Amino acid sequence: MSELLPSLFAPMSLGSALLVIVALIAAYMVFTVAGFGTALFASAPLAAVMPVAKVVPLLALLDCTVSVMRGWRARHLVDVAELKGLLPGMLLGQLVGLFCWLRFLHRSWPFFLERLS
């Protein structure tokens, strides 16, 4: 993380800086409408002026921050009664998915399970 920030703010030309700003604004306009898609829209223009190894963590940090902010602002819109009705099915689906994943790992990659234990 400490290596990421100084290289993100390395000097760049005015044209490159404008491209980054316009790409991020456009990507977050799409995010506002659809709720996803920032990486799809912003990664190509950002990769033109920044290393891809820096673009991906930058977009992940921005997406996480913006999602938390939007979720916090919309928390009063959550229908808790409906969420309580969905919760058992969500938990069951997660348990079934975990069981299937572990079964797949056990059959396909025994060496992976040995390294975990």
PDB file of N, CA and C in Angstrom:
ATOM      1  N   MET A   1       0.824  -1.195   0.000  1.00  0.00           N
ATOM      2  CA  MET A   1       0.000   0.000   0.000  1.00  0.00           C
ATOM      3  C   MET A   1       0.860   1.247   0.000  1.00  0.00           C
ATOM      4  N   SER A   2       1.962   1.220   0.753  1.00  0.00           N
ATOM      5  CA  SER A   2       2.799   2.409   0.827  1.00  0.00           C
ATOM      6  C   SER A   2       3.461   2.699  -0.509  1.00  0.00           C
ATOM      7  N   GLU A   3       3.698   1.658  -1.321  1.00  0.00           N
ATOM      8  CA  GLU A   3       4.289   1.870  -2.637  1.00  0.00           C
ATOM      9  C   GLU A   3       3.261   2.380  -3.642  1.00  0.00           C
ATOM     10  N   LEU A   4       1.992   2.125  -3.387  1.00  0.00           N
ATOM     11  CA  LEU A   4       0.941   2.487  -4.337  1.00  0.00           C
ATOM     12  C   LEU A   4       0.704   3.987  -4.388  1.00  0.00           C
ATOM     13  N   LEU A   5       0.565   4.628  -3.253  1.00  0.00           N
ATOM     14  CA  LEU A   5       0.180   6.037  -3.227  1.00  0.00           C
ATOM     15  C   LEU A   5       1.200   6.974  -3.868  1.00  0.00           C
ATOM     16  N   PRO A   6       2.496   6.878  -3.582  1.00  0.00           N
ATOM     17  CA  PRO A   6       3.413   7.806  -4.240  1.00  0.00           C
ATOM     18  C   PRO A   6       3.420   7.657  -5.756  1.00  0.00           C
ATOM     19  N   SER A   7       3.312   6.426  -6.256  1.00  0.00           N
ATOM     20  CA  SER A   7       3.345   6.244  -7.705  1.00  0.00           C
ATOM     21  C   SER A   7       2.038   6.669  -8.363  1.00  0.00           C
ATOM     22  N   LEU A   8       0.930   6.672  -7.620  1.00  0.00           N
ATOM     23  CA  LEU A   8      -0.329   7.146  -8.184  1.00  0.00           C
ATOM     24  C   LEU A   8      -0.295   8.647  -8.428  1.00  0.00           C
ATOM     25  N   PHE A   9       0.406   9.336  -7.547  1.00  0.00           N
ATOM     26  CA  PHE A   9       0.434  10.786  -7.638  1.00  0.00           C
ATOM     27  C   PHE A   9       1.714  11.293  -8.291  1.00  0.00           C
ATOM     28  N   ALA A  10       2.347  10.439  -9.080  1.00  0.00           N
ATOM     29  CA  ALA A  10       3.535  10.861  -9.815  1.00  0.00           C
ATOM     30  C   ALA A  10       3.121  11.928 -10.832  1.00  0.00           C
ATOM     31  N   PRO A  11       4.032  12.821 -11.162  1.00  0.00           N
ATOM     32  CA  PRO A  11       3.682  13.875 -12.125  1.00  0.00           C
ATOM     33  C   PRO A  11       3.219  13.293 -13.458  1.00  0.00           C
ATOM     34  N   MET A  12       2.150  13.860 -14.002  1.00  0.00           N
ATOM     35  CA  MET A  12       1.658  13.461 -15.316  1.00  0.00           C
ATOM     36  C   MET A  12       1.260  14.720 -16.075  1.00  0.00           C
ATOM     37  N   SER A  13       1.153  14.584 -17.367  1.00  0.00           N
ATOM     38  CA  SER A  13       0.830  15.753 -18.182  1.00  0.00           C
ATOM     39  C   SER A  13      -0.619  16.188 -17.940  1.00  0.00           C
ATOM     40  N   LEU A  14      -0.917  17.405 -18.369  1.00  0.00           N
ATOM     41  CA  LEU A  14      -2.270  17.932 -18.201  1.00  0.00           C
ATOM     42  C   LEU A  14      -3.279  17.082 -18.971  1.00  0.00           C
ATOM     43  N   GLY A  15      -2.919  16.659 -20.172  1.00  0.00           N
ATOM     44  CA  GLY A  15      -3.810  15.818 -20.970  1.00  0.00           C
ATOM     45  C   GLY A  15      -4.101  14.493 -20.294  1.00  0.00           C
ATOM     46  N   SER A  16      -3.064  13.888 -19.710  1.00  0.00           N
ATOM     47  CA  SER A  16      -3.248  12.622 -19.005  1.00  0.00           C
ATOM     48  C   SER A  16      -4.125  12.806 -17.772  1.00  0.00           C
ATOM     49  N   ALA A  17      -3.894  13.886 -17.046  1.00  0.00           N
ATOM     50  CA  ALA A  17      -4.701  14.164 -15.857  1.00  0.00           C
ATOM     51  C   ALA A  17      -6.164  14.387 -16.237  1.00  0.00           C
ATOM     52  N   LEU A  18      -6.406  15.102 -17.318  1.00  0.00           N
ATOM     53  CA  LEU A  18      -7.787  15.321 -17.776  1.00  0.00           C
ATOM     54  C   LEU A  18      -8.437  14.013 -18.199  1.00  0.00           C
ATOM     55  N   LEU A  19      -7.677  13.150 -18.863  1.00  0.00           N
ATOM     56  CA  LEU A  19      -8.209  11.842 -19.261  1.00  0.00           C
ATOM     57  C   LEU A  19      -8.607  11.025 -18.038  1.00  0.00           C
ATOM     58  N   VAL A  20      -7.777  11.038 -17.011  1.00  0.00           N
ATOM     59  CA  VAL A  20      -8.083  10.309 -15.779  1.00  0.00           C
ATOM     60  C   VAL A  20      -9.352  10.863 -15.142  1.00  0.00           C
ATOM     61  N   ILE A  21      -9.462  12.178 -15.054  1.00  0.00           N
ATOM     62  CA  ILE A  21     -10.629  12.808 -14.432  1.00  0.00           C
ATOM     63  C   ILE A  21     -11.898  12.505 -15.205  1.00  0.00           C
ATOM     64  N   VAL A  22     -11.850  12.662 -16.525  1.00  0.00           N
ATOM     65  CA  VAL A  22     -13.039  12.405 -17.355  1.00  0.00           C
ATOM     66  C   VAL A  22     -13.427  10.928 -17.290  1.00  0.00           C
ATOM     67  N   ALA A  23     -12.448  10.037 -17.324  1.00  0.00           N
ATOM     68  CA  ALA A  23     -12.746   8.599 -17.264  1.00  0.00           C
ATOM     69  C   ALA A  23     -13.398   8.237 -15.931  1.00  0.00           C
ATOM     70  N   LEU A  24     -12.886   8.785 -14.838  1.00  0.00           N
ATOM     71  CA  LEU A  24     -13.469   8.475 -13.529  1.00  0.00           C
ATOM     72  C   LEU A  24     -14.862   9.073 -13.378  1.00  0.00           C
ATOM     73  N   ILE A  25     -15.067  10.282 -13.874  1.00  0.00           N
ATOM     74  CA  ILE A  25     -16.406  10.885 -13.796  1.00  0.00           C
ATOM     75  C   ILE A  25     -17.398  10.070 -14.606  1.00  0.00           C
ATOM     76  N   ALA A  26     -17.022   9.691 -15.828  1.00  0.00           N
ATOM     77  CA  ALA A  26     -17.924   8.893 -16.668  1.00  0.00           C
ATOM     78  C   ALA A  26     -18.195   7.528 -16.030  1.00  0.00           C
ATOM     79  N   ALA A  27     -17.163   6.902 -15.479  1.00  0.00           N
ATOM     80  CA  ALA A  27     -17.340   5.586 -14.873  1.00  0.00           C
ATOM     81  C   ALA A  27     -18.266   5.660 -13.664  1.00  0.00           C
ATOM     82  N   TYR A  28     -18.131   6.699 -12.868  1.00  0.00           N
ATOM     83  CA  TYR A  28     -18.990   6.797 -11.690  1.00  0.00           C
ATOM     84  C   TYR A  28     -20.388   7.305 -12.032  1.00  0.00           C
ATOM     85  N   MET A  29     -20.561   7.914 -13.178  1.00  0.00           N
ATOM     86  CA  MET A  29     -21.923   8.200 -13.657  1.00  0.00           C
ATOM     87  C   MET A  29     -22.621   6.883 -13.985  1.00  0.00           C
ATOM     88  N   VAL A  30     -21.904   5.971 -14.626  1.00  0.00           N
ATOM     89  CA  VAL A  30     -22.462   4.643 -14.920  1.00  0.00           C
ATOM     90  C   VAL A  30     -22.739   3.903 -13.618  1.00  0.00           C
ATOM     91  N   PHE A  31     -21.835   4.004 -12.659  1.00  0.00           N
ATOM     92  CA  PHE A  31     -22.014   3.351 -11.360  1.00  0.00           C
ATOM     93  C   PHE A  31     -23.258   3.879 -10.656  1.00  0.00           C
ATOM     94  N   THR A  32     -23.514   5.173 -10.771  1.00  0.00           N
ATOM     95  CA  THR A  32     -24.688   5.770 -10.144  1.00  0.00           C
ATOM     96  C   THR A  32     -25.972   5.201 -10.729  1.00  0.00           C
ATOM     97  N   VAL A  33     -25.986   4.966 -12.028  1.00  0.00           N
ATOM     98  CA  VAL A  33     -27.183   4.455 -12.687  1.00  0.00           C
ATOM     99  C   VAL A  33     -27.327   2.945 -12.499  1.00  0.00           C
ATOM    100  N   ALA A  34     -26.224   2.197 -12.700  1.00  0.00           N
ATOM    101  CA  ALA A  34     -26.309   0.741 -12.736  1.00  0.00           C
ATOM    102  C   ALA A  34     -25.877   0.066 -11.436  1.00  0.00           C
ATOM    103  N   GLY A  35     -25.036   0.718 -10.645  1.00  0.00           N
ATOM    104  CA  GLY A  35     -24.544   0.106  -9.425  1.00  0.00           C
ATOM    105  C   GLY A  35     -23.280  -0.695  -9.612  1.00  0.00           C
ATOM    106  N   PHE A  36     -22.764  -0.756 -10.821  1.00  0.00           N
ATOM    107  CA  PHE A  36     -21.519  -1.454 -11.118  1.00  0.00           C
ATOM    108  C   PHE A  36     -20.977  -0.900 -12.430  1.00  0.00           C
ATOM    109  N   GLY A  37     -19.831  -1.348 -12.847  1.00  0.00           N
ATOM    110  CA  GLY A  37     -19.318  -0.980 -14.153  1.00  0.00           C
ATOM    111  C   GLY A  37     -18.183   0.023 -14.157  1.00  0.00           C
ATOM    112  N   THR A  38     -17.731   0.464 -12.990  1.00  0.00           N
ATOM    113  CA  THR A  38     -16.666   1.457 -13.002  1.00  0.00           C
ATOM    114  C   THR A  38     -15.377   0.892 -13.584  1.00  0.00           C
ATOM    115  N   ALA A  39     -15.032  -0.317 -13.215  1.00  0.00           N
ATOM    116  CA  ALA A  39     -13.802  -0.917 -13.734  1.00  0.00           C
ATOM    117  C   ALA A  39     -13.896  -1.135 -15.239  1.00  0.00           C
ATOM    118  N   LEU A  40     -15.065  -1.499 -15.706  1.00  0.00           N
ATOM    119  CA  LEU A  40     -15.253  -1.719 -17.134  1.00  0.00           C
ATOM    120  C   LEU A  40     -15.026  -0.445 -17.930  1.00  0.00           C
ATOM    121  N   PHE A  41     -15.524   0.669 -17.432  1.00  0.00           N
ATOM    122  CA  PHE A  41     -15.416   1.925 -18.166  1.00  0.00           C
ATOM    123  C   PHE A  41     -14.122   2.678 -17.891  1.00  0.00           C
ATOM    124  N   ALA A  42     -13.578   2.567 -16.701  1.00  0.00           N
ATOM    125  CA  ALA A  42     -12.417   3.385 -16.353  1.00  0.00           C
ATOM    126  C   ALA A  42     -11.083   2.689 -16.579  1.00  0.00           C
ATOM    127  N   SER A  43     -11.065   1.370 -16.611  1.00  0.00           N
ATOM    128  CA  SER A  43      -9.778   0.676 -16.666  1.00  0.00           C
ATOM    129  C   SER A  43      -9.010   0.928 -17.958  1.00  0.00           C
ATOM    130  N   ALA A  44      -9.658   0.943 -19.095  1.00  0.00           N
ATOM    131  CA  ALA A  44      -8.940   1.148 -20.356  1.00  0.00           C
ATOM    132  C   ALA A  44      -8.324   2.547 -20.455  1.00  0.00           C
ATOM    133  N   PRO A  45      -9.095   3.624 -20.218  1.00  0.00           N
ATOM    134  CA  PRO A  45      -8.459   4.944 -20.292  1.00  0.00           C
ATOM    135  C   PRO A  45      -7.372   5.144 -19.227  1.00  0.00           C
ATOM    136  N   LEU A  46      -7.592   4.607 -18.026  1.00  0.00           N
ATOM    137  CA  LEU A  46      -6.571   4.750 -16.989  1.00  0.00           C
ATOM    138  C   LEU A  46      -5.320   3.955 -17.322  1.00  0.00           C
ATOM    139  N   ALA A  47      -5.482   2.785 -17.932  1.00  0.00           N
ATOM    140  CA  ALA A  47      -4.329   1.966 -18.311  1.00  0.00           C
ATOM    141  C   ALA A  47      -3.506   2.628 -19.408  1.00  0.00           C
ATOM    142  N   ALA A  48      -4.112   3.559 -20.134  1.00  0.00           N
ATOM    143  CA  ALA A  48      -3.363   4.268 -21.170  1.00  0.00           C
ATOM    144  C   ALA A  48      -2.356   5.244 -20.567  1.00  0.00           C
ATOM    145  N   VAL A  49      -2.601   5.702 -19.353  1.00  0.00           N
ATOM    146  CA  VAL A  49      -1.709   6.698 -18.750  1.00  0.00           C
ATOM    147  C   VAL A  49      -1.065   6.228 -17.451  1.00  0.00           C
ATOM    148  N   MET A  50      -1.489   5.071 -16.939  1.00  0.00           N
ATOM    149  CA  MET A  50      -0.941   4.539 -15.684  1.00  0.00           C
ATOM    150  C   MET A  50      -0.654   3.059 -15.868  1.00  0.00           C
ATOM    151  N   PRO A  51       0.255   2.496 -15.085  1.00  0.00           N
ATOM    152  CA  PRO A  51       0.480   1.043 -15.151  1.00  0.00           C
ATOM    153  C   PRO A  51      -0.753   0.284 -14.661  1.00  0.00           C
ATOM    154  N   VAL A  52      -1.057  -0.816 -15.318  1.00  0.00           N
ATOM    155  CA  VAL A  52      -2.232  -1.611 -14.952  1.00  0.00           C
ATOM    156  C   VAL A  52      -2.129  -2.104 -13.513  1.00  0.00           C
ATOM    157  N   ALA A  53      -0.919  -2.369 -13.059  1.00  0.00           N
ATOM    158  CA  ALA A  53      -0.725  -2.825 -11.680  1.00  0.00           C
ATOM    159  C   ALA A  53      -1.149  -1.763 -10.675  1.00  0.00           C
ATOM    160  N   LYS A  54      -1.256  -0.524 -11.086  1.00  0.00           N
ATOM    161  CA  LYS A  54      -1.715   0.554 -10.210  1.00  0.00           C
ATOM    162  C   LYS A  54      -3.198   0.858 -10.433  1.00  0.00           C
ATOM    163  N   VAL A  55      -3.690   0.608 -11.636  1.00  0.00           N
ATOM    164  CA  VAL A  55      -5.086   0.911 -11.968  1.00  0.00           C
ATOM    165  C   VAL A  55      -6.040   0.012 -11.193  1.00  0.00           C
ATOM    166  N   VAL A  56      -5.751  -1.272 -11.146  1.00  0.00           N
ATOM    167  CA  VAL A  56      -6.659  -2.225 -10.514  1.00  0.00           C
ATOM    168  C   VAL A  56      -6.833  -1.945  -9.019  1.00  0.00           C
ATOM    169  N   PRO A  57      -5.754  -1.767  -8.239  1.00  0.00           N
ATOM    170  CA  PRO A  57      -5.967  -1.431  -6.824  1.00  0.00           C
ATOM    171  C   PRO A  57      -6.654  -0.082  -6.628  1.00  0.00           C
ATOM    172  N   LEU A  58      -6.339   0.879  -7.482  1.00  0.00           N
ATOM    173  CA  LEU A  58      -6.982   2.188  -7.384  1.00  0.00           C
ATOM    174  C   LEU A  58      -8.487   2.065  -7.567  1.00  0.00           C
ATOM    175  N   LEU A  59      -8.909   1.357  -8.601  1.00  0.00           N
ATOM    176  CA  LEU A  59     -10.346   1.192  -8.850  1.00  0.00           C
ATOM    177  C   LEU A  59     -11.011   0.367  -7.752  1.00  0.00           C
ATOM    178  N   ALA A  60     -10.307  -0.622  -7.214  1.00  0.00           N
ATOM    179  CA  ALA A  60     -10.885  -1.412  -6.120  1.00  0.00           C
ATOM    180  C   ALA A  60     -11.106  -0.547  -4.886  1.00  0.00           C
ATOM    181  N   LEU A  61     -10.132   0.278  -4.548  1.00  0.00           N
ATOM    182  CA  LEU A  61     -10.279   1.166  -3.392  1.00  0.00           C
ATOM    183  C   LEU A  61     -11.393   2.184  -3.609  1.00  0.00           C
ATOM    184  N   LEU A  62     -11.456   2.762  -4.802  1.00  0.00           N
ATOM    185  CA  LEU A  62     -12.507   3.734  -5.096  1.00  0.00           C
ATOM    186  C   LEU A  62     -13.886   3.084  -5.057  1.00  0.00           C
ATOM    187  N   ASP A  63     -14.018   1.895  -5.667  1.00  0.00           N
ATOM    188  CA  ASP A  63     -15.309   1.200  -5.675  1.00  0.00           C
ATOM    189  C   ASP A  63     -15.768   0.850  -4.269  1.00  0.00           C
ATOM    190  N   CYS A  64     -14.851   0.358  -3.453  1.00  0.00           N
ATOM    191  CA  CYS A  64     -15.209   0.007  -2.080  1.00  0.00           C
ATOM    192  C   CYS A  64     -15.661   1.245  -1.313  1.00  0.00           C
ATOM    193  N   THR A  65     -14.924   2.327  -1.446  1.00  0.00           N
ATOM    194  CA  THR A  65     -15.270   3.562  -0.744  1.00  0.00           C
ATOM    195  C   THR A  65     -16.621   4.097  -1.183  1.00  0.00           C
ATOM    196  N   VAL A  66     -16.852   4.155  -2.483  1.00  0.00           N
ATOM    197  CA  VAL A  66     -18.116   4.695  -2.996  1.00  0.00           C
ATOM    198  C   VAL A  66     -19.283   3.780  -2.636  1.00  0.00           C
ATOM    199  N   SER A  67     -19.076   2.474  -2.678  1.00  0.00           N
ATOM    200  CA  SER A  67     -20.154   1.546  -2.320  1.00  0.00           C
ATOM    201  C   SER A  67     -20.540   1.676  -0.859  1.00  0.00           C
ATOM    202  N   VAL A  68     -19.550   1.802   0.004  1.00  0.00           N
ATOM    203  CA  VAL A  68     -19.850   1.973   1.433  1.00  0.00           C
ATOM    204  C   VAL A  68     -20.590   3.291   1.660  1.00  0.00           C
ATOM    205  N   MET A  69     -20.157   4.351   1.005  1.00  0.00           N
ATOM    206  CA  MET A  69     -20.830   5.648   1.154  1.00  0.00           C
ATOM    207  C   MET A  69     -22.282   5.581   0.669  1.00  0.00           C
ATOM    208  N   ARG A  70     -22.500   4.954  -0.495  1.00  0.00           N
ATOM    209  CA  ARG A  70     -23.864   4.843  -1.009  1.00  0.00           C
ATOM    210  C   ARG A  70     -24.729   3.971  -0.116  1.00  0.00           C
ATOM    211  N   GLY A  71     -24.156   2.877   0.387  1.00  0.00           N
ATOM    212  CA  GLY A  71     -24.904   2.003   1.283  1.00  0.00           C
ATOM    213  C   GLY A  71     -25.275   2.694   2.581  1.00  0.00           C
ATOM    214  N   TRP A  72     -24.355   3.485   3.112  1.00  0.00           N
ATOM    215  CA  TRP A  72     -24.619   4.200   4.357  1.00  0.00           C
ATOM    216  C   TRP A  72     -25.728   5.226   4.158  1.00  0.00           C
ATOM    217  N   ARG A  73     -25.698   5.925   3.032  1.00  0.00           N
ATOM    218  CA  ARG A  73     -26.725   6.933   2.773  1.00  0.00           C
ATOM    219  C   ARG A  73     -28.097   6.311   2.540  1.00  0.00           C
ATOM    220  N   ALA A  74     -28.135   5.094   2.010  1.00  0.00           N
ATOM    221  CA  ALA A  74     -29.409   4.451   1.681  1.00  0.00           C
ATOM    222  C   ALA A  74     -29.864   3.455   2.743  1.00  0.00           C
ATOM    223  N   ARG A  75     -29.226   3.442   3.890  1.00  0.00           N
ATOM    224  CA  ARG A  75     -29.556   2.443   4.905  1.00  0.00           C
ATOM    225  C   ARG A  75     -30.984   2.565   5.402  1.00  0.00           C
ATOM    226  N   HIS A  76     -31.552   3.733   5.371  1.00  0.00           N
ATOM    227  CA  HIS A  76     -32.924   3.915   5.852  1.00  0.00           C
ATOM    228  C   HIS A  76     -33.954   3.353   4.858  1.00  0.00           C
ATOM    229  N   LEU A  77     -33.529   3.041   3.647  1.00  0.00           N
ATOM    230  CA  LEU A  77     -34.429   2.495   2.633  1.00  0.00           C
ATOM    231  C   LEU A  77     -34.546   0.969   2.701  1.00  0.00           C
ATOM    232  N   VAL A  78     -33.774   0.340   3.561  1.00  0.00           N
ATOM    233  CA  VAL A  78     -33.776  -1.118   3.669  1.00  0.00           C
ATOM    234  C   VAL A  78     -35.050  -1.572   4.371  1.00  0.00           C
ATOM    235  N   ASP A  79     -35.745  -2.529   3.762  1.00  0.00           N
ATOM    236  CA  ASP A  79     -36.931  -3.128   4.370  1.00  0.00           C
ATOM    237  C   ASP A  79     -36.459  -4.307   5.222  1.00  0.00           C
ATOM    238  N   VAL A  80     -36.315  -4.090   6.508  1.00  0.00           N
ATOM    239  CA  VAL A  80     -35.737  -5.083   7.416  1.00  0.00           C
ATOM    240  C   VAL A  80     -36.596  -6.344   7.469  1.00  0.00           C
ATOM    241  N   ALA A  81     -37.918  -6.199   7.426  1.00  0.00           N
ATOM    242  CA  ALA A  81     -38.792  -7.372   7.473  1.00  0.00           C
ATOM    243  C   ALA A  81     -38.560  -8.268   6.247  1.00  0.00           C
ATOM    244  N   GLU A  82     -38.428  -7.671   5.080  1.00  0.00           N
ATOM    245  CA  GLU A  82     -38.174  -8.462   3.873  1.00  0.00           C
ATOM    246  C   GLU A  82     -36.785  -9.078   3.917  1.00  0.00           C
ATOM    247  N   LEU A  83     -35.832  -8.357   4.443  1.00  0.00           N
ATOM    248  CA  LEU A  83     -34.474  -8.880   4.566  1.00  0.00           C
ATOM    249  C   LEU A  83     -34.431 -10.088   5.493  1.00  0.00           C
ATOM    250  N   LYS A  84     -35.203 -10.041   6.577  1.00  0.00           N
ATOM    251  CA  LYS A  84     -35.267 -11.184   7.497  1.00  0.00           C
ATOM    252  C   LYS A  84     -35.856 -12.407   6.801  1.00  0.00           C
ATOM    253  N   GLY A  85     -36.788 -12.196   5.877  1.00  0.00           N
ATOM    254  CA  GLY A  85     -37.356 -13.315   5.126  1.00  0.00           C
ATOM    255  C   GLY A  85     -36.375 -13.896   4.117  1.00  0.00           C
ATOM    256  N   LEU A  86     -35.494 -13.071   3.578  1.00  0.00           N
ATOM    257  CA  LEU A  86     -34.517 -13.537   2.598  1.00  0.00           C
ATOM    258  C   LEU A  86     -33.295 -14.191   3.249  1.00  0.00           C
ATOM    259  N   LEU A  87     -33.016 -13.833   4.478  1.00  0.00           N
ATOM    260  CA  LEU A  87     -31.797 -14.271   5.144  1.00  0.00           C
ATOM    261  C   LEU A  87     -31.645 -15.789   5.241  1.00  0.00           C
ATOM    262  N   PRO A  88     -32.676 -16.562   5.613  1.00  0.00           N
ATOM    263  CA  PRO A  88     -32.487 -18.028   5.678  1.00  0.00           C
ATOM    264  C   PRO A  88     -32.092 -18.632   4.330  1.00  0.00           C
ATOM    265  N   GLY A  89     -32.708 -18.187   3.251  1.00  0.00           N
ATOM    266  CA  GLY A  89     -32.355 -18.702   1.929  1.00  0.00           C
ATOM    267  C   GLY A  89     -30.944 -18.315   1.521  1.00  0.00           C
ATOM    268  N   MET A  90     -30.544 -17.097   1.874  1.00  0.00           N
ATOM    269  CA  MET A  90     -29.182 -16.665   1.573  1.00  0.00           C
ATOM    270  C   MET A  90     -28.162 -17.513   2.319  1.00  0.00           C
ATOM    271  N   LEU A  91     -28.406 -17.759   3.595  1.00  0.00           N
ATOM    272  CA  LEU A  91     -27.484 -18.571   4.390  1.00  0.00           C
ATOM    273  C   LEU A  91     -27.429 -20.010   3.874  1.00  0.00           C
ATOM    274  N   LEU A  92     -28.597 -20.578   3.525  1.00  0.00           N
ATOM    275  CA  LEU A  92     -28.629 -21.931   2.980  1.00  0.00           C
ATOM    276  C   LEU A  92     -27.840 -22.004   1.666  1.00  0.00           C
ATOM    277  N   GLY A  93     -28.036 -21.014   0.798  1.00  0.00           N
ATOM    278  CA  GLY A  93     -27.310 -20.983  -0.462  1.00  0.00           C
ATOM    279  C   GLY A  93     -25.805 -20.876  -0.263  1.00  0.00           C
ATOM    280  N   GLN A  94     -25.387 -20.096   0.715  1.00  0.00           N
ATOM    281  CA  GLN A  94     -23.960 -19.983   1.004  1.00  0.00           C
ATOM    282  C   GLN A  94     -23.399 -21.296   1.528  1.00  0.00           C
ATOM    283  N   LEU A  95     -24.149 -21.978   2.384  1.00  0.00           N
ATOM    284  CA  LEU A  95     -23.685 -23.257   2.909  1.00  0.00           C
ATOM    285  C   LEU A  95     -23.601 -24.318   1.810  1.00  0.00           C
ATOM    286  N   VAL A  96     -24.606 -24.356   0.930  1.00  0.00           N
ATOM    287  CA  VAL A  96     -24.567 -25.311  -0.188  1.00  0.00           C
ATOM    288  C   VAL A  96     -23.395 -24.993  -1.105  1.00  0.00           C
ATOM    289  N   GLY A  97     -23.191 -23.721  -1.409  1.00  0.00           N
ATOM    290  CA  GLY A  97     -22.060 -23.324  -2.247  1.00  0.00           C
ATOM    291  C   GLY A  97     -20.726 -23.689  -1.618  1.00  0.00           C
ATOM    292  N   LEU A  98     -20.589 -23.464  -0.321  1.00  0.00           N
ATOM    293  CA  LEU A  98     -19.359 -23.820   0.380  1.00  0.00           C
ATOM    294  C   LEU A  98     -19.144 -25.325   0.356  1.00  0.00           C
ATOM    295  N   PHE A  99     -20.208 -26.094   0.578  1.00  0.00           N
ATOM    296  CA  PHE A  99     -20.107 -27.554   0.533  1.00  0.00           C
ATOM    297  C   PHE A  99     -19.653 -28.013  -0.855  1.00  0.00           C
ATOM    298  N   CYS A 100     -20.271 -27.483  -1.905  1.00  0.00           N
ATOM    299  CA  CYS A 100     -19.896 -27.875  -3.272  1.00  0.00           C
ATOM    300  C   CYS A 100     -18.459 -27.493  -3.580  1.00  0.00           C
ATOM    301  N   TRP A 101     -18.032 -26.312  -3.143  1.00  0.00           N
ATOM    302  CA  TRP A 101     -16.673 -25.852  -3.391  1.00  0.00           C
ATOM    303  C   TRP A 101     -15.662 -26.747  -2.676  1.00  0.00           C
ATOM    304  N   LEU A 102     -15.937 -27.075  -1.399  1.00  0.00           N
ATOM    305  CA  LEU A 102     -15.032 -27.939  -0.657  1.00  0.00           C
ATOM    306  C   LEU A 102     -14.986 -29.342  -1.239  1.00  0.00           C
ATOM    307  N   ARG A 103     -16.118 -29.834  -1.698  1.00  0.00           N
ATOM    308  CA  ARG A 103     -16.155 -31.161  -2.333  1.00  0.00           C
ATOM    309  C   ARG A 103     -15.340 -31.168  -3.625  1.00  0.00           C
ATOM    310  N   PHE A 104     -15.465 -30.092  -4.395  1.00  0.00           N
ATOM    311  CA  PHE A 104     -14.680 -29.956  -5.622  1.00  0.00           C
ATOM    312  C   PHE A 104     -13.192 -29.922  -5.297  1.00  0.00           C
ATOM    313  N   LEU A 105     -12.823 -29.142  -4.294  1.00  0.00           N
ATOM    314  CA  LEU A 105     -11.413 -29.071  -3.908  1.00  0.00           C
ATOM    315  C   LEU A 105     -10.903 -30.421  -3.435  1.00  0.00           C
ATOM    316  N   HIS A 106     -11.722 -31.122  -2.666  1.00  0.00           N
ATOM    317  CA  HIS A 106     -11.301 -32.418  -2.142  1.00  0.00           C
ATOM    318  C   HIS A 106     -11.057 -33.410  -3.271  1.00  0.00           C
ATOM    319  N   ARG A 107     -11.893 -33.376  -4.296  1.00  0.00           N
ATOM    320  CA  ARG A 107     -11.745 -34.319  -5.411  1.00  0.00           C
ATOM    321  C   ARG A 107     -10.677 -33.872  -6.400  1.00  0.00           C
ATOM    322  N   SER A 108     -10.523 -32.579  -6.602  1.00  0.00           N
ATOM    323  CA  SER A 108      -9.645 -32.092  -7.660  1.00  0.00           C
ATOM    324  C   SER A 108      -8.238 -31.761  -7.186  1.00  0.00           C
ATOM    325  N   TRP A 109      -8.138 -31.165  -6.016  1.00  0.00           N
ATOM    326  CA  TRP A 109      -6.843 -30.674  -5.570  1.00  0.00           C
ATOM    327  C   TRP A 109      -6.546 -31.115  -4.141  1.00  0.00           C
ATOM    328  N   PRO A 110      -6.221 -32.384  -3.941  1.00  0.00           N
ATOM    329  CA  PRO A 110      -5.922 -32.829  -2.574  1.00  0.00           C
ATOM    330  C   PRO A 110      -4.720 -32.105  -1.974  1.00  0.00           C
ATOM    331  N   PHE A 111      -3.765 -31.750  -2.821  1.00  0.00           N
ATOM    332  CA  PHE A 111      -2.587 -31.046  -2.303  1.00  0.00           C
ATOM    333  C   PHE A 111      -2.955 -29.675  -1.748  1.00  0.00           C
ATOM    334  N   PHE A 112      -4.019 -29.063  -2.259  1.00  0.00           N
ATOM    335  CA  PHE A 112      -4.450 -27.747  -1.772  1.00  0.00           C
ATOM    336  C   PHE A 112      -4.983 -27.863  -0.338  1.00  0.00           C
ATOM    337  N   LEU A 113      -5.760 -28.906  -0.084  1.00  0.00           N
ATOM    338  CA  LEU A 113      -6.289 -29.110   1.258  1.00  0.00           C
ATOM    339  C   LEU A 113      -5.189 -29.460   2.254  1.00  0.00           C
ATOM    340  N   GLU A 114      -4.159 -30.186   1.806  1.00  0.00           N
ATOM    341  CA  GLU A 114      -3.056 -30.513   2.697  1.00  0.00           C
ATOM    342  C   GLU A 114      -2.319 -29.253   3.134  1.00  0.00           C
ATOM    343  N   ARG A 115      -2.198 -28.307   2.238  1.00  0.00           N
ATOM    344  CA  ARG A 115      -1.484 -27.073   2.560  1.00  0.00           C
ATOM    345  C   ARG A 115      -2.291 -26.168   3.490  1.00  0.00           C
ATOM    346  N   LEU A 116      -3.609 -26.302   3.463  1.00  0.00           N
ATOM    347  CA  LEU A 116      -4.439 -25.490   4.356  1.00  0.00           C
ATOM    348  C   LEU A 116      -4.350 -25.975   5.800  1.00  0.00           C
ATOM    349  N   SER A 117      -4.170 -27.274   5.981  1.00  0.00           N
ATOM    350  CA  SER A 117      -4.146 -27.810   7.343  1.00  0.00           C
ATOM    351  C   SER A 117      -2.758 -27.917   7.911  1.00  0.00           C
TER     352      SER A 117
END
